[in-house]
Protein backbone atom coordinates (compact mmCIF):
# COMPACT_ATOMS: atom_id res chain seq x y z
CA UNK A 1 22.55 -32.68 -42.95
CA UNK A 2 24.23 -34.31 -39.94
CA UNK A 3 23.07 -37.20 -38.66
CA UNK A 4 24.55 -36.83 -35.21
CA UNK A 5 22.22 -37.22 -32.18
CA UNK A 6 22.09 -34.22 -29.94
CA UNK A 7 21.48 -35.08 -26.36
CA UNK A 8 19.33 -32.64 -24.46
CA UNK A 9 19.59 -32.08 -20.83
CA UNK A 10 16.79 -31.06 -18.70
CA UNK A 11 16.66 -30.28 -14.82
CA UNK A 12 13.76 -31.59 -12.88
CA UNK A 13 11.44 -28.91 -11.32
CA UNK A 14 12.10 -28.72 -7.73
CA UNK A 15 9.20 -27.49 -5.68
CA UNK A 16 9.52 -23.96 -4.29
CA UNK A 17 9.25 -25.14 -0.61
CA UNK A 18 12.23 -27.37 -1.20
CA UNK A 19 14.48 -24.80 -2.95
CA UNK A 20 13.65 -22.42 -0.23
CA UNK A 21 14.65 -24.67 2.56
CA UNK A 22 17.87 -25.03 0.89
CA UNK A 23 18.60 -21.40 -0.61
CA UNK A 24 16.87 -19.05 2.21
CA UNK A 25 15.95 -21.20 5.05
CA UNK A 26 14.76 -18.00 6.85
CA UNK A 27 11.76 -17.99 4.63
CA UNK A 28 10.74 -21.47 5.65
CA UNK A 29 8.72 -20.37 8.72
CA UNK A 30 6.84 -18.00 6.57
CA UNK A 31 5.94 -20.42 4.00
CA UNK A 32 4.71 -23.13 6.45
CA UNK A 33 2.37 -20.14 7.73
CA UNK A 34 1.32 -19.64 4.32
CA UNK A 35 0.73 -23.67 3.72
CA UNK A 36 -1.40 -23.47 6.97
CA UNK A 37 -3.59 -20.49 5.93
CA UNK A 38 -3.64 -21.72 2.21
CA UNK A 39 -4.67 -25.25 2.84
CA UNK A 40 -2.10 -28.04 1.61
CA UNK A 41 -4.09 -28.06 -1.99
CA UNK A 42 -3.95 -24.94 -2.93
CA UNK A 43 -0.49 -24.17 -1.39
CA UNK A 44 0.83 -27.06 -3.40
CA UNK A 45 -0.82 -25.93 -6.65
CA UNK A 46 -0.14 -21.85 -6.30
CA UNK A 47 3.13 -21.83 -4.31
CA UNK A 48 4.92 -24.63 -4.84
CA UNK A 49 4.77 -24.27 -8.57
CA UNK A 50 6.33 -20.83 -8.24
CA UNK A 51 9.46 -20.13 -10.47
CA UNK A 52 10.95 -17.58 -7.85
CA UNK A 53 10.11 -15.58 -4.72
CA UNK A 54 12.22 -13.03 -3.41
CA UNK A 55 11.79 -11.11 -0.24
CA UNK A 56 13.63 -7.56 0.51
CA UNK A 57 12.61 -5.83 3.38
CA UNK A 58 8.91 -5.02 3.04
CA UNK A 59 8.33 -6.17 -0.31
CA UNK A 60 7.70 -9.64 -2.04
CA UNK A 61 8.32 -10.98 -5.66
CA UNK A 62 6.40 -13.72 -6.71
CA UNK A 63 6.95 -15.17 -10.36
CA UNK A 64 4.50 -17.61 -11.68
CA UNK A 65 4.47 -20.25 -14.70
CA UNK A 66 0.94 -19.13 -15.51
CA UNK A 67 -1.25 -15.90 -16.08
CA UNK A 68 -4.06 -17.98 -14.52
CA UNK A 69 -2.02 -18.59 -11.19
CA UNK A 70 -1.24 -15.19 -10.78
CA UNK A 71 -4.79 -13.94 -11.09
CA UNK A 72 -5.78 -16.53 -8.75
CA UNK A 73 -2.90 -15.71 -6.21
CA UNK A 74 -3.95 -12.03 -6.10
CA UNK A 75 -8.09 -12.45 -5.87
CA UNK A 76 -7.83 -15.29 -3.51
CA UNK A 77 -4.49 -15.17 -1.68
CA UNK A 78 -3.00 -11.62 -1.59
CA UNK A 79 -3.79 -11.17 2.23
CA UNK A 80 -2.70 -14.61 3.33
CA UNK A 81 0.64 -13.86 1.57
CA UNK A 82 0.69 -10.70 3.03
CA UNK A 83 0.38 -11.82 6.61
CA UNK A 84 2.76 -14.63 6.12
CA UNK A 85 5.72 -12.94 5.09
CA UNK A 86 5.23 -9.70 6.96
CA UNK A 87 5.07 -7.78 3.87
CA UNK A 88 3.42 -4.53 2.82
CA UNK A 89 4.15 -4.82 -1.15
CA UNK A 90 3.96 -7.57 -3.40
CA UNK A 91 4.35 -8.05 -6.92
CA UNK A 92 3.16 -11.25 -8.75
CA UNK A 93 4.23 -11.68 -12.21
CA UNK A 94 3.98 -14.46 -14.77
CA UNK A 95 6.67 -15.62 -16.82
């Protein structure tokens, strides 16, 4: 049995809003509108914690880390998300 120490590296989670501003700044305005519609606390809990967000034409894909968050986004915030991102189709999945 080896007694060597293995170093584990982890990358700290970056909130979605910060990742979008760097990677897809054209979506920042939609995120700001969604923050206003949802309120800052719900936005930080359910949107800033998303693993991923992708928009293609009038379709939006959201990937959550928890099934519970997926259910809440669908039941409480779907119309606000559609309006903020000007999309007709949203798919929300969890990892």
